[in-house]
Amino acid sequence: MNEQHAPPRSEKAEMKRQARIKARKDSHIEARKAERKQKRISSRTSEAGKS
């Protein structure tokens, strides 16, 4: 992401932007965690079905 072209307009705006970026990152991490958990569960059930 290129953010050089937009200097922060104000301290408050910058804080808001940082919070939004952090929230997006956090939600992305949560989604990845859930995805991994689902994969582990599905692989376990398929293993049980095979044997």
PDB file of N, CA and C in Angstrom:
ATOM      1  N   MET A   1       0.846  -1.185   0.000  1.00  0.00           N
ATOM      2  CA  MET A   1       0.000   0.000   0.000  1.00  0.00           C
ATOM      3  C   MET A   1       0.889   1.245   0.000  1.00  0.00           C
ATOM      4  N   ASN A   2       0.607   2.156  -0.914  1.00  0.00           N
ATOM      5  CA  ASN A   2       1.391   3.375  -1.005  1.00  0.00           C
ATOM      6  C   ASN A   2       0.634   4.504  -0.323  1.00  0.00           C
ATOM      7  N   GLU A   3       1.191   5.032   0.759  1.00  0.00           N
ATOM      8  CA  GLU A   3       0.488   6.074   1.507  1.00  0.00           C
ATOM      9  C   GLU A   3       1.271   7.377   1.530  1.00  0.00           C
ATOM     10  N   GLN A   4       2.290   7.491   0.645  1.00  0.00           N
ATOM     11  CA  GLN A   4       3.108   8.699   0.630  1.00  0.00           C
ATOM     12  C   GLN A   4       2.331   9.886   0.053  1.00  0.00           C
ATOM     13  N   HIS A   5       1.399   9.601  -0.879  1.00  0.00           N
ATOM     14  CA  HIS A   5       0.733  10.678  -1.599  1.00  0.00           C
ATOM     15  C   HIS A   5      -0.259  11.449  -0.735  1.00  0.00           C
ATOM     16  N   ALA A   6      -0.642  10.910   0.431  1.00  0.00           N
ATOM     17  CA  ALA A   6      -1.657  11.581   1.247  1.00  0.00           C
ATOM     18  C   ALA A   6      -1.116  11.904   2.636  1.00  0.00           C
ATOM     19  N   PRO A   7      -0.622  13.125   2.842  1.00  0.00           N
ATOM     20  CA  PRO A   7      -0.169  13.512   4.181  1.00  0.00           C
ATOM     21  C   PRO A   7      -1.361  13.644   5.120  1.00  0.00           C
ATOM     22  N   PRO A   8      -1.169  13.330   6.393  1.00  0.00           N
ATOM     23  CA  PRO A   8      -2.287  13.406   7.347  1.00  0.00           C
ATOM     24  C   PRO A   8      -2.839  14.823   7.429  1.00  0.00           C
ATOM     25  N   ARG A   9      -4.164  14.982   7.318  1.00  0.00           N
ATOM     26  CA  ARG A   9      -4.763  16.306   7.342  1.00  0.00           C
ATOM     27  C   ARG A   9      -4.787  16.865   8.765  1.00  0.00           C
ATOM     28  N   SER A  10      -4.986  16.017   9.741  1.00  0.00           N
ATOM     29  CA  SER A  10      -4.987  16.477  11.128  1.00  0.00           C
ATOM     30  C   SER A  10      -4.662  15.310  12.045  1.00  0.00           C
ATOM     31  N   GLU A  11      -4.367  15.612  13.285  1.00  0.00           N
ATOM     32  CA  GLU A  11      -4.031  14.565  14.252  1.00  0.00           C
ATOM     33  C   GLU A  11      -5.200  13.600  14.421  1.00  0.00           C
ATOM     34  N   LYS A  12      -6.413  14.155  14.509  1.00  0.00           N
ATOM     35  CA  LYS A  12      -7.600  13.323  14.708  1.00  0.00           C
ATOM     36  C   LYS A  12      -7.813  12.405  13.507  1.00  0.00           C
ATOM     37  N   ALA A  13      -7.657  12.961  12.310  1.00  0.00           N
ATOM     38  CA  ALA A  13      -7.846  12.169  11.093  1.00  0.00           C
ATOM     39  C   ALA A  13      -6.824  11.035  11.052  1.00  0.00           C
ATOM     40  N   GLU A  14      -5.603  11.347  11.442  1.00  0.00           N
ATOM     41  CA  GLU A  14      -4.542  10.332  11.436  1.00  0.00           C
ATOM     42  C   GLU A  14      -4.875   9.216  12.426  1.00  0.00           C
ATOM     43  N   MET A  15      -5.346   9.590  13.614  1.00  0.00           N
ATOM     44  CA  MET A  15      -5.721   8.595  14.624  1.00  0.00           C
ATOM     45  C   MET A  15      -6.829   7.686  14.080  1.00  0.00           C
ATOM     46  N   LYS A  16      -7.816   8.304  13.438  1.00  0.00           N
ATOM     47  CA  LYS A  16      -8.932   7.541  12.895  1.00  0.00           C
ATOM     48  C   LYS A  16      -8.440   6.562  11.840  1.00  0.00           C
ATOM     49  N   ARG A  17      -7.527   7.051  10.982  1.00  0.00           N
ATOM     50  CA  ARG A  17      -7.010   6.210   9.906  1.00  0.00           C
ATOM     51  C   ARG A  17      -6.233   5.031  10.480  1.00  0.00           C
ATOM     52  N   GLN A  18      -5.407   5.299  11.485  1.00  0.00           N
ATOM     53  CA  GLN A  18      -4.624   4.230  12.109  1.00  0.00           C
ATOM     54  C   GLN A  18      -5.552   3.194  12.738  1.00  0.00           C
ATOM     55  N   ALA A  19      -6.588   3.668  13.412  1.00  0.00           N
ATOM     56  CA  ALA A  19      -7.533   2.756  14.060  1.00  0.00           C
ATOM     57  C   ALA A  19      -8.218   1.880  13.017  1.00  0.00           C
ATOM     58  N   ARG A  20      -8.579   2.498  11.873  1.00  0.00           N
ATOM     59  CA  ARG A  20      -9.249   1.735  10.825  1.00  0.00           C
ATOM     60  C   ARG A  20      -8.314   0.674  10.261  1.00  0.00           C
ATOM     61  N   ILE A  21      -7.055   1.049  10.034  1.00  0.00           N
ATOM     62  CA  ILE A  21      -6.068   0.093   9.513  1.00  0.00           C
ATOM     63  C   ILE A  21      -5.884  -1.048  10.506  1.00  0.00           C
ATOM     64  N   LYS A  22      -5.770  -0.706  11.786  1.00  0.00           N
ATOM     65  CA  LYS A  22      -5.562  -1.722  12.819  1.00  0.00           C
ATOM     66  C   LYS A  22      -6.764  -2.664  12.885  1.00  0.00           C
ATOM     67  N   ALA A  23      -7.965  -2.099  12.829  1.00  0.00           N
ATOM     68  CA  ALA A  23      -9.178  -2.921  12.882  1.00  0.00           C
ATOM     69  C   ALA A  23      -9.215  -3.872  11.699  1.00  0.00           C
ATOM     70  N   ARG A  24      -8.847  -3.357  10.523  1.00  0.00           N
ATOM     71  CA  ARG A  24      -8.865  -4.197   9.332  1.00  0.00           C
ATOM     72  C   ARG A  24      -7.866  -5.331   9.478  1.00  0.00           C
ATOM     73  N   LYS A  25      -6.683  -5.014  10.009  1.00  0.00           N
ATOM     74  CA  LYS A  25      -5.653  -6.040  10.217  1.00  0.00           C
ATOM     75  C   LYS A  25      -6.151  -7.087  11.203  1.00  0.00           C
ATOM     76  N   ASP A  26      -6.738  -6.617  12.310  1.00  0.00           N
ATOM     77  CA  ASP A  26      -7.226  -7.539  13.338  1.00  0.00           C
ATOM     78  C   ASP A  26      -8.289  -8.476  12.769  1.00  0.00           C
ATOM     79  N   SER A  27      -9.227  -7.908  12.024  1.00  0.00           N
ATOM     80  CA  SER A  27     -10.304  -8.743  11.472  1.00  0.00           C
ATOM     81  C   SER A  27      -9.725  -9.741  10.477  1.00  0.00           C
ATOM     82  N   HIS A  28      -8.702  -9.301   9.729  1.00  0.00           N
ATOM     83  CA  HIS A  28      -8.058 -10.200   8.766  1.00  0.00           C
ATOM     84  C   HIS A  28      -7.402 -11.363   9.504  1.00  0.00           C
ATOM     85  N   ILE A  29      -6.722 -11.036  10.613  1.00  0.00           N
ATOM     86  CA  ILE A  29      -6.046 -12.074  11.406  1.00  0.00           C
ATOM     87  C   ILE A  29      -7.087 -13.045  11.963  1.00  0.00           C
ATOM     88  N   GLU A  30      -8.188 -12.511  12.472  1.00  0.00           N
ATOM     89  CA  GLU A  30      -9.251 -13.361  13.021  1.00  0.00           C
ATOM     90  C   GLU A  30      -9.794 -14.291  11.943  1.00  0.00           C
ATOM     91  N   ALA A  31      -9.992 -13.749  10.747  1.00  0.00           N
ATOM     92  CA  ALA A  31     -10.516 -14.562   9.643  1.00  0.00           C
ATOM     93  C   ALA A  31      -9.545 -15.691   9.326  1.00  0.00           C
ATOM     94  N   ARG A  32      -8.241 -15.373   9.313  1.00  0.00           N
ATOM     95  CA  ARG A  32      -7.228 -16.388   9.009  1.00  0.00           C
ATOM     96  C   ARG A  32      -7.257 -17.486  10.071  1.00  0.00           C
ATOM     97  N   LYS A  33      -7.381 -17.075  11.343  1.00  0.00           N
ATOM     98  CA  LYS A  33      -7.427 -18.041  12.453  1.00  0.00           C
ATOM     99  C   LYS A  33      -8.612 -18.984  12.279  1.00  0.00           C
ATOM    100  N   ALA A  34      -9.784 -18.415  12.018  1.00  0.00           N
ATOM    101  CA  ALA A  34     -10.997 -19.219  11.855  1.00  0.00           C
ATOM    102  C   ALA A  34     -10.833 -20.179  10.683  1.00  0.00           C
ATOM    103  N   GLU A  35     -10.227 -19.674   9.605  1.00  0.00           N
ATOM    104  CA  GLU A  35     -10.028 -20.500   8.419  1.00  0.00           C
ATOM    105  C   GLU A  35      -9.154 -21.704   8.758  1.00  0.00           C
ATOM    106  N   ARG A  36      -8.061 -21.451   9.489  1.00  0.00           N
ATOM    107  CA  ARG A  36      -7.146 -22.538   9.857  1.00  0.00           C
ATOM    108  C   ARG A  36      -7.867 -23.555  10.722  1.00  0.00           C
ATOM    109  N   LYS A  37      -8.675 -23.063  11.656  1.00  0.00           N
ATOM    110  CA  LYS A  37      -9.412 -23.964  12.547  1.00  0.00           C
ATOM    111  C   LYS A  37     -10.345 -24.851  11.729  1.00  0.00           C
ATOM    112  N   GLN A  38     -11.062 -24.243  10.783  1.00  0.00           N
ATOM    113  CA  GLN A  38     -11.979 -25.001   9.928  1.00  0.00           C
ATOM    114  C   GLN A  38     -11.227 -26.078   9.160  1.00  0.00           C
ATOM    115  N   LYS A  39     -10.067 -25.714   8.623  1.00  0.00           N
ATOM    116  CA  LYS A  39      -9.279 -26.676   7.849  1.00  0.00           C
ATOM    117  C   LYS A  39      -8.890 -27.851   8.725  1.00  0.00           C
ATOM    118  N   ARG A  40      -8.462 -27.547   9.963  1.00  0.00           N
ATOM    119  CA  ARG A  40      -8.016 -28.604  10.870  1.00  0.00           C
ATOM    120  C   ARG A  40      -9.189 -29.539  11.174  1.00  0.00           C
ATOM    121  N   ILE A  41     -10.342 -28.969  11.448  1.00  0.00           N
ATOM    122  CA  ILE A  41     -11.523 -29.779  11.772  1.00  0.00           C
ATOM    123  C   ILE A  41     -11.912 -30.639  10.573  1.00  0.00           C
ATOM    124  N   SER A  42     -11.959 -30.033   9.386  1.00  0.00           N
ATOM    125  CA  SER A  42     -12.387 -30.773   8.191  1.00  0.00           C
ATOM    126  C   SER A  42     -11.392 -31.877   7.876  1.00  0.00           C
ATOM    127  N   SER A  43     -10.102 -31.603   8.048  1.00  0.00           N
ATOM    128  CA  SER A  43      -9.097 -32.631   7.750  1.00  0.00           C
ATOM    129  C   SER A  43      -9.227 -33.784   8.749  1.00  0.00           C
ATOM    130  N   ARG A  44      -9.552 -33.453  10.000  1.00  0.00           N
ATOM    131  CA  ARG A  44      -9.703 -34.490  11.020  1.00  0.00           C
ATOM    132  C   ARG A  44     -10.892 -35.385  10.681  1.00  0.00           C
ATOM    133  N   THR A  45     -12.003 -34.785  10.277  1.00  0.00           N
ATOM    134  CA  THR A  45     -13.197 -35.578   9.964  1.00  0.00           C
ATOM    135  C   THR A  45     -12.951 -36.445   8.734  1.00  0.00           C
ATOM    136  N   SER A  46     -12.233 -35.909   7.752  1.00  0.00           N
ATOM    137  CA  SER A  46     -11.958 -36.699   6.540  1.00  0.00           C
ATOM    138  C   SER A  46     -11.019 -37.855   6.882  1.00  0.00           C
ATOM    139  N   GLU A  47     -10.084 -37.616   7.794  1.00  0.00           N
ATOM    140  CA  GLU A  47      -9.180 -38.694   8.228  1.00  0.00           C
ATOM    141  C   GLU A  47      -9.993 -39.815   8.876  1.00  0.00           C
ATOM    142  N   ALA A  48     -10.931 -39.433   9.730  1.00  0.00           N
ATOM    143  CA  ALA A  48     -11.752 -40.425  10.423  1.00  0.00           C
ATOM    144  C   ALA A  48     -12.587 -41.207   9.410  1.00  0.00           C
ATOM    145  N   GLY A  49     -13.080 -40.529   8.386  1.00  0.00           N
ATOM    146  CA  GLY A  49     -13.897 -41.195   7.379  1.00  0.00           C
ATOM    147  C   GLY A  49     -13.083 -42.186   6.565  1.00  0.00           C
ATOM    148  N   LYS A  50     -11.817 -41.876   6.327  1.00  0.00           N
ATOM    149  CA  LYS A  50     -10.971 -42.756   5.502  1.00  0.00           C
ATOM    150  C   LYS A  50     -10.693 -44.087   6.192  1.00  0.00           C
ATOM    151  N   SER A  51     -10.311 -44.000   7.466  1.00  0.00           N
ATOM    152  CA  SER A  51      -9.873 -45.221   8.163  1.00  0.00           C
ATOM    153  C   SER A  51     -11.031 -46.179   8.436  1.00  0.00           C
TER     154      SER A  51
END
